[in-house]
Amino acid sequence: MKKRNKFPPGWNEERVQSVIAYYDQQTEDEAVAEAEAALENESSMLIEVPIELVPTVRELIAQHTTKNHPQARQSD
């Protein structure tokens, strides 16, 4: 019996395949440009977090997302 993948809320097989295709088709220059643009984004920040705190940080982000964007947590 094949094990069924469990996707996070709002994700499904089609969405996963779309993301994979996007990055598979991306050139190295496009990847660099995307990373540089992310660093210039003033609505978010990249930070270093100790590995043992990652689950807690993810939970805080999920709570924030649910509170501020409830539709983002719904399943497809």
PDB file of N, CA and C in Angstrom:
ATOM      1  N   MET A   1       0.836  -1.171   0.000  1.00  0.00           N
ATOM      2  CA  MET A   1       0.000   0.000   0.000  1.00  0.00           C
ATOM      3  C   MET A   1       0.891   1.249   0.000  1.00  0.00           C
ATOM      4  N   LYS A   2       0.620   2.171  -0.905  1.00  0.00           N
ATOM      5  CA  LYS A   2       1.390   3.395  -1.014  1.00  0.00           C
ATOM      6  C   LYS A   2       0.963   4.375   0.085  1.00  0.00           C
ATOM      7  N   LYS A   3       1.952   4.937   0.769  1.00  0.00           N
ATOM      8  CA  LYS A   3       1.676   5.910   1.819  1.00  0.00           C
ATOM      9  C   LYS A   3       1.270   7.239   1.178  1.00  0.00           C
ATOM     10  N   ARG A   4       0.167   7.794   1.636  1.00  0.00           N
ATOM     11  CA  ARG A   4      -0.324   9.068   1.115  1.00  0.00           C
ATOM     12  C   ARG A   4       0.427  10.214   1.802  1.00  0.00           C
ATOM     13  N   ASN A   5       0.897  11.156   0.990  1.00  0.00           N
ATOM     14  CA  ASN A   5       1.577  12.321   1.532  1.00  0.00           C
ATOM     15  C   ASN A   5       0.591  13.206   2.279  1.00  0.00           C
ATOM     16  N   LYS A   6       1.053  13.760   3.378  1.00  0.00           N
ATOM     17  CA  LYS A   6       0.230  14.710   4.125  1.00  0.00           C
ATOM     18  C   LYS A   6       0.793  16.095   3.871  1.00  0.00           C
ATOM     19  N   PHE A   7      -0.011  16.966   3.283  1.00  0.00           N
ATOM     20  CA  PHE A   7       0.428  18.309   2.948  1.00  0.00           C
ATOM     21  C   PHE A   7      -0.002  19.286   4.034  1.00  0.00           C
ATOM     22  N   PRO A   8       0.761  20.369   4.179  1.00  0.00           N
ATOM     23  CA  PRO A   8       0.356  21.410   5.128  1.00  0.00           C
ATOM     24  C   PRO A   8      -0.969  22.043   4.670  1.00  0.00           C
ATOM     25  N   PRO A   9      -1.667  22.687   5.574  1.00  0.00           N
ATOM     26  CA  PRO A   9      -2.912  23.368   5.180  1.00  0.00           C
ATOM     27  C   PRO A   9      -2.666  24.321   4.010  1.00  0.00           C
ATOM     28  N   GLY A  10      -3.538  24.278   3.029  1.00  0.00           N
ATOM     29  CA  GLY A  10      -3.427  25.145   1.863  1.00  0.00           C
ATOM     30  C   GLY A  10      -2.571  24.580   0.741  1.00  0.00           C
ATOM     31  N   TRP A  11      -1.972  23.413   0.958  1.00  0.00           N
ATOM     32  CA  TRP A  11      -1.116  22.788  -0.043  1.00  0.00           C
ATOM     33  C   TRP A  11      -1.751  21.489  -0.521  1.00  0.00           C
ATOM     34  N   ASN A  12      -1.460  21.137  -1.789  1.00  0.00           N
ATOM     35  CA  ASN A  12      -1.888  19.863  -2.353  1.00  0.00           C
ATOM     36  C   ASN A  12      -0.833  19.419  -3.367  1.00  0.00           C
ATOM     37  N   GLU A  13      -1.005  18.279  -3.950  1.00  0.00           N
ATOM     38  CA  GLU A  13      -0.030  17.730  -4.895  1.00  0.00           C
ATOM     39  C   GLU A  13       0.234  18.689  -6.056  1.00  0.00           C
ATOM     40  N   GLU A  14      -0.814  19.295  -6.595  1.00  0.00           N
ATOM     41  CA  GLU A  14      -0.665  20.212  -7.729  1.00  0.00           C
ATOM     42  C   GLU A  14       0.212  21.415  -7.350  1.00  0.00           C
ATOM     43  N   ARG A  15      -0.007  21.959  -6.175  1.00  0.00           N
ATOM     44  CA  ARG A  15       0.778  23.114  -5.733  1.00  0.00           C
ATOM     45  C   ARG A  15       2.249  22.731  -5.530  1.00  0.00           C
ATOM     46  N   VAL A  16       2.483  21.575  -4.945  1.00  0.00           N
ATOM     47  CA  VAL A  16       3.851  21.099  -4.735  1.00  0.00           C
ATOM     48  C   VAL A  16       4.556  20.923  -6.080  1.00  0.00           C
ATOM     49  N   GLN A  17       3.901  20.294  -7.029  1.00  0.00           N
ATOM     50  CA  GLN A  17       4.497  20.070  -8.343  1.00  0.00           C
ATOM     51  C   GLN A  17       4.770  21.391  -9.057  1.00  0.00           C
ATOM     52  N   SER A  18       3.900  22.371  -8.857  1.00  0.00           N
ATOM     53  CA  SER A  18       4.090  23.689  -9.453  1.00  0.00           C
ATOM     54  C   SER A  18       5.344  24.366  -8.900  1.00  0.00           C
ATOM     55  N   VAL A  19       5.559  24.269  -7.592  1.00  0.00           N
ATOM     56  CA  VAL A  19       6.742  24.861  -6.971  1.00  0.00           C
ATOM     57  C   VAL A  19       8.006  24.145  -7.449  1.00  0.00           C
ATOM     58  N   ILE A  20       7.950  22.827  -7.515  1.00  0.00           N
ATOM     59  CA  ILE A  20       9.102  22.060  -7.997  1.00  0.00           C
ATOM     60  C   ILE A  20       9.443  22.467  -9.433  1.00  0.00           C
ATOM     61  N   ALA A  21       8.442  22.568 -10.290  1.00  0.00           N
ATOM     62  CA  ALA A  21       8.667  22.947 -11.687  1.00  0.00           C
ATOM     63  C   ALA A  21       9.262  24.351 -11.780  1.00  0.00           C
ATOM     64  N   TYR A  22       8.771  25.265 -10.953  1.00  0.00           N
ATOM     65  CA  TYR A  22       9.282  26.637 -10.957  1.00  0.00           C
ATOM     66  C   TYR A  22      10.777  26.657 -10.685  1.00  0.00           C
ATOM     67  N   TYR A  23      11.205  25.972  -9.633  1.00  0.00           N
ATOM     68  CA  TYR A  23      12.629  25.993  -9.278  1.00  0.00           C
ATOM     69  C   TYR A  23      13.483  25.136 -10.206  1.00  0.00           C
ATOM     70  N   ASP A  24      12.922  24.073 -10.757  1.00  0.00           N
ATOM     71  CA  ASP A  24      13.670  23.259 -11.720  1.00  0.00           C
ATOM     72  C   ASP A  24      13.968  24.039 -12.999  1.00  0.00           C
ATOM     73  N   GLN A  25      13.075  24.924 -13.385  1.00  0.00           N
ATOM     74  CA  GLN A  25      13.225  25.680 -14.633  1.00  0.00           C
ATOM     75  C   GLN A  25      13.986  26.997 -14.434  1.00  0.00           C
ATOM     76  N   GLN A  26      14.255  27.369 -13.198  1.00  0.00           N
ATOM     77  CA  GLN A  26      14.906  28.631 -12.899  1.00  0.00           C
ATOM     78  C   GLN A  26      16.409  28.563 -13.210  1.00  0.00           C
ATOM     79  N   THR A  27      16.915  29.606 -13.881  1.00  0.00           N
ATOM     80  CA  THR A  27      18.347  29.665 -14.157  1.00  0.00           C
ATOM     81  C   THR A  27      19.075  30.116 -12.888  1.00  0.00           C
ATOM     82  N   GLU A  28      20.383  29.939 -12.883  1.00  0.00           N
ATOM     83  CA  GLU A  28      21.178  30.381 -11.736  1.00  0.00           C
ATOM     84  C   GLU A  28      21.066  31.896 -11.551  1.00  0.00           C
ATOM     85  N   ASP A  29      21.090  32.647 -12.652  1.00  0.00           N
ATOM     86  CA  ASP A  29      20.944  34.104 -12.565  1.00  0.00           C
ATOM     87  C   ASP A  29      19.591  34.504 -11.989  1.00  0.00           C
ATOM     88  N   GLU A  30      18.537  33.802 -12.397  1.00  0.00           N
ATOM     89  CA  GLU A  30      17.204  34.085 -11.860  1.00  0.00           C
ATOM     90  C   GLU A  30      17.139  33.769 -10.362  1.00  0.00           C
ATOM     91  N   ALA A  31      17.786  32.695  -9.954  1.00  0.00           N
ATOM     92  CA  ALA A  31      17.802  32.317  -8.541  1.00  0.00           C
ATOM     93  C   ALA A  31      18.518  33.373  -7.704  1.00  0.00           C
ATOM     94  N   VAL A  32      19.654  33.863  -8.222  1.00  0.00           N
ATOM     95  CA  VAL A  32      20.407  34.901  -7.512  1.00  0.00           C
ATOM     96  C   VAL A  32      19.569  36.167  -7.417  1.00  0.00           C
ATOM     97  N   ALA A  33      18.929  36.558  -8.512  1.00  0.00           N
ATOM     98  CA  ALA A  33      18.094  37.761  -8.510  1.00  0.00           C
ATOM     99  C   ALA A  33      16.937  37.630  -7.522  1.00  0.00           C
ATOM    100  N   GLU A  34      16.342  36.450  -7.461  1.00  0.00           N
ATOM    101  CA  GLU A  34      15.237  36.220  -6.527  1.00  0.00           C
ATOM    102  C   GLU A  34      15.726  36.325  -5.079  1.00  0.00           C
ATOM    103  N   ALA A  35      16.892  35.740  -4.792  1.00  0.00           N
ATOM    104  CA  ALA A  35      17.440  35.805  -3.441  1.00  0.00           C
ATOM    105  C   ALA A  35      17.790  37.239  -3.065  1.00  0.00           C
ATOM    106  N   GLU A  36      18.376  37.991  -3.985  1.00  0.00           N
ATOM    107  CA  GLU A  36      18.716  39.386  -3.710  1.00  0.00           C
ATOM    108  C   GLU A  36      17.462  40.227  -3.473  1.00  0.00           C
ATOM    109  N   ALA A  37      16.417  39.979  -4.244  1.00  0.00           N
ATOM    110  CA  ALA A  37      15.159  40.711  -4.059  1.00  0.00           C
ATOM    111  C   ALA A  37      14.554  40.395  -2.693  1.00  0.00           C
ATOM    112  N   ALA A  38      14.668  39.155  -2.255  1.00  0.00           N
ATOM    113  CA  ALA A  38      14.139  38.777  -0.941  1.00  0.00           C
ATOM    114  C   ALA A  38      14.867  39.522   0.164  1.00  0.00           C
ATOM    115  N   LEU A  39      16.164  39.718   0.002  1.00  0.00           N
ATOM    116  CA  LEU A  39      16.944  40.434   1.012  1.00  0.00           C
ATOM    117  C   LEU A  39      16.574  41.911   1.078  1.00  0.00           C
ATOM    118  N   GLU A  40      16.052  42.453  -0.026  1.00  0.00           N
ATOM    119  CA  GLU A  40      15.665  43.862  -0.076  1.00  0.00           C
ATOM    120  C   GLU A  40      14.210  44.086   0.336  1.00  0.00           C
ATOM    121  N   ASN A  41      13.454  43.022   0.531  1.00  0.00           N
ATOM    122  CA  ASN A  41      12.046  43.101   0.910  1.00  0.00           C
ATOM    123  C   ASN A  41      11.930  43.674   2.314  1.00  0.00           C
ATOM    124  N   GLU A  42      11.250  44.800   2.449  1.00  0.00           N
ATOM    125  CA  GLU A  42      11.135  45.456   3.751  1.00  0.00           C
ATOM    126  C   GLU A  42       9.963  44.941   4.582  1.00  0.00           C
ATOM    127  N   SER A  43       9.177  43.998   4.047  1.00  0.00           N
ATOM    128  CA  SER A  43       8.049  43.467   4.819  1.00  0.00           C
ATOM    129  C   SER A  43       8.400  42.185   5.562  1.00  0.00           C
ATOM    130  N   SER A  44       9.618  41.687   5.351  1.00  0.00           N
ATOM    131  CA  SER A  44      10.060  40.492   6.062  1.00  0.00           C
ATOM    132  C   SER A  44      11.561  40.583   6.304  1.00  0.00           C
ATOM    133  N   MET A  45      12.061  39.637   7.109  1.00  0.00           N
ATOM    134  CA  MET A  45      13.465  39.673   7.475  1.00  0.00           C
ATOM    135  C   MET A  45      14.007  38.254   7.571  1.00  0.00           C
ATOM    136  N   LEU A  46      15.245  38.085   7.167  1.00  0.00           N
ATOM    137  CA  LEU A  46      15.931  36.813   7.344  1.00  0.00           C
ATOM    138  C   LEU A  46      16.711  36.894   8.646  1.00  0.00           C
ATOM    139  N   ILE A  47      16.551  35.868   9.482  1.00  0.00           N
ATOM    140  CA  ILE A  47      17.281  35.839  10.748  1.00  0.00           C
ATOM    141  C   ILE A  47      17.842  34.453  10.979  1.00  0.00           C
ATOM    142  N   GLU A  48      18.883  34.385  11.763  1.00  0.00           N
ATOM    143  CA  GLU A  48      19.463  33.105  12.152  1.00  0.00           C
ATOM    144  C   GLU A  48      18.846  32.709  13.490  1.00  0.00           C
ATOM    145  N   VAL A  49      18.378  31.468  13.558  1.00  0.00           N
ATOM    146  CA  VAL A  49      17.719  30.961  14.759  1.00  0.00           C
ATOM    147  C   VAL A  49      18.381  29.649  15.150  1.00  0.00           C
ATOM    148  N   PRO A  50      18.681  29.462  16.424  1.00  0.00           N
ATOM    149  CA  PRO A  50      19.212  28.158  16.845  1.00  0.00           C
ATOM    150  C   PRO A  50      18.241  27.040  16.449  1.00  0.00           C
ATOM    151  N   ILE A  51      18.783  25.935  15.980  1.00  0.00           N
ATOM    152  CA  ILE A  51      17.957  24.838  15.466  1.00  0.00           C
ATOM    153  C   ILE A  51      16.902  24.395  16.471  1.00  0.00           C
ATOM    154  N   GLU A  52      17.250  24.353  17.743  1.00  0.00           N
ATOM    155  CA  GLU A  52      16.270  23.877  18.727  1.00  0.00           C
ATOM    156  C   GLU A  52      15.086  24.822  18.880  1.00  0.00           C
ATOM    157  N   LEU A  53      15.202  26.068  18.407  1.00  0.00           N
ATOM    158  CA  LEU A  53      14.085  27.019  18.484  1.00  0.00           C
ATOM    159  C   LEU A  53      13.216  27.032  17.227  1.00  0.00           C
ATOM    160  N   VAL A  54      13.647  26.355  16.167  1.00  0.00           N
ATOM    161  CA  VAL A  54      12.911  26.381  14.903  1.00  0.00           C
ATOM    162  C   VAL A  54      11.458  25.928  15.065  1.00  0.00           C
ATOM    163  N   PRO A  55      11.144  24.832  15.747  1.00  0.00           N
ATOM    164  CA  PRO A  55       9.732  24.452  15.892  1.00  0.00           C
ATOM    165  C   PRO A  55       8.888  25.544  16.576  1.00  0.00           C
ATOM    166  N   THR A  56       9.446  26.204  17.559  1.00  0.00           N
ATOM    167  CA  THR A  56       8.726  27.267  18.253  1.00  0.00           C
ATOM    168  C   THR A  56       8.502  28.464  17.328  1.00  0.00           C
ATOM    169  N   VAL A  57       9.518  28.830  16.574  1.00  0.00           N
ATOM    170  CA  VAL A  57       9.394  29.952  15.637  1.00  0.00           C
ATOM    171  C   VAL A  57       8.359  29.625  14.568  1.00  0.00           C
ATOM    172  N   ARG A  58       8.380  28.405  14.059  1.00  0.00           N
ATOM    173  CA  ARG A  58       7.380  28.005  13.050  1.00  0.00           C
ATOM    174  C   ARG A  58       5.964  28.090  13.614  1.00  0.00           C
ATOM    175  N   GLU A  59       5.790  27.677  14.843  1.00  0.00           N
ATOM    176  CA  GLU A  59       4.464  27.747  15.470  1.00  0.00           C
ATOM    177  C   GLU A  59       4.021  29.200  15.627  1.00  0.00           C
ATOM    178  N   LEU A  60       4.933  30.066  16.023  1.00  0.00           N
ATOM    179  CA  LEU A  60       4.591  31.489  16.137  1.00  0.00           C
ATOM    180  C   LEU A  60       4.192  32.074  14.786  1.00  0.00           C
ATOM    181  N   ILE A  61       4.919  31.700  13.740  1.00  0.00           N
ATOM    182  CA  ILE A  61       4.570  32.175  12.397  1.00  0.00           C
ATOM    183  C   ILE A  61       3.198  31.654  11.987  1.00  0.00           C
ATOM    184  N   ALA A  62       2.914  30.380  12.263  1.00  0.00           N
ATOM    185  CA  ALA A  62       1.607  29.800  11.932  1.00  0.00           C
ATOM    186  C   ALA A  62       0.490  30.526  12.676  1.00  0.00           C
ATOM    187  N   GLN A  63       0.714  30.829  13.947  1.00  0.00           N
ATOM    188  CA  GLN A  63      -0.293  31.562  14.720  1.00  0.00           C
ATOM    189  C   GLN A  63      -0.509  32.953  14.135  1.00  0.00           C
ATOM    190  N   HIS A  64       0.554  33.614  13.765  1.00  0.00           N
ATOM    191  CA  HIS A  64       0.464  34.948  13.169  1.00  0.00           C
ATOM    192  C   HIS A  64      -0.296  34.883  11.845  1.00  0.00           C
ATOM    193  N   THR A  65       0.042  33.878  11.028  1.00  0.00           N
ATOM    194  CA  THR A  65      -0.618  33.729   9.730  1.00  0.00           C
ATOM    195  C   THR A  65      -2.110  33.477   9.905  1.00  0.00           C
ATOM    196  N   THR A  66      -2.459  32.597  10.830  1.00  0.00           N
ATOM    197  CA  THR A  66      -3.867  32.283  11.071  1.00  0.00           C
ATOM    198  C   THR A  66      -4.627  33.512  11.556  1.00  0.00           C
ATOM    199  N   LYS A  67      -3.994  34.254  12.430  1.00  0.00           N
ATOM    200  CA  LYS A  67      -4.632  35.449  13.005  1.00  0.00           C
ATOM    201  C   LYS A  67      -4.824  36.545  11.956  1.00  0.00           C
ATOM    202  N   ASN A  68      -3.823  36.759  11.104  1.00  0.00           N
ATOM    203  CA  ASN A  68      -3.849  37.871  10.160  1.00  0.00           C
ATOM    204  C   ASN A  68      -4.339  37.514   8.760  1.00  0.00           C
ATOM    205  N   HIS A  69      -4.248  36.239   8.407  1.00  0.00           N
ATOM    206  CA  HIS A  69      -4.660  35.784   7.078  1.00  0.00           C
ATOM    207  C   HIS A  69      -5.338  34.413   7.192  1.00  0.00           C
ATOM    208  N   PRO A  70      -6.529  34.352   7.773  1.00  0.00           N
ATOM    209  CA  PRO A  70      -7.161  33.041   8.023  1.00  0.00           C
ATOM    210  C   PRO A  70      -7.331  32.197   6.770  1.00  0.00           C
ATOM    211  N   GLN A  71      -7.527  32.802   5.615  1.00  0.00           N
ATOM    212  CA  GLN A  71      -7.690  32.024   4.382  1.00  0.00           C
ATOM    213  C   GLN A  71      -6.415  31.303   3.986  1.00  0.00           C
ATOM    214  N   ALA A  72      -5.258  31.756   4.446  1.00  0.00           N
ATOM    215  CA  ALA A  72      -3.988  31.126   4.093  1.00  0.00           C
ATOM    216  C   ALA A  72      -3.825  29.770   4.750  1.00  0.00           C
ATOM    217  N   ARG A  73      -4.584  29.459   5.786  1.00  0.00           N
ATOM    218  CA  ARG A  73      -4.444  28.196   6.516  1.00  0.00           C
ATOM    219  C   ARG A  73      -5.486  27.165   6.094  1.00  0.00           C
ATOM    220  N   GLN A  74      -6.368  27.510   5.161  1.00  0.00           N
ATOM    221  CA  GLN A  74      -7.391  26.564   4.737  1.00  0.00           C
ATOM    222  C   GLN A  74      -6.813  25.564   3.765  1.00  0.00           C
ATOM    223  N   SER A  75      -7.304  24.330   3.809  1.00  0.00           N
ATOM    224  CA  SER A  75      -6.869  23.285   2.865  1.00  0.00           C
ATOM    225  C   SER A  75      -7.526  23.494   1.518  1.00  0.00           C
ATOM    226  N   ASP A  76      -6.808  23.061   0.483  1.00  0.00           N
ATOM    227  CA  ASP A  76      -7.377  23.077  -0.877  1.00  0.00           C
ATOM    228  C   ASP A  76      -8.207  21.840  -1.098  1.00  0.00           C
TER     229      ASP A  76
END
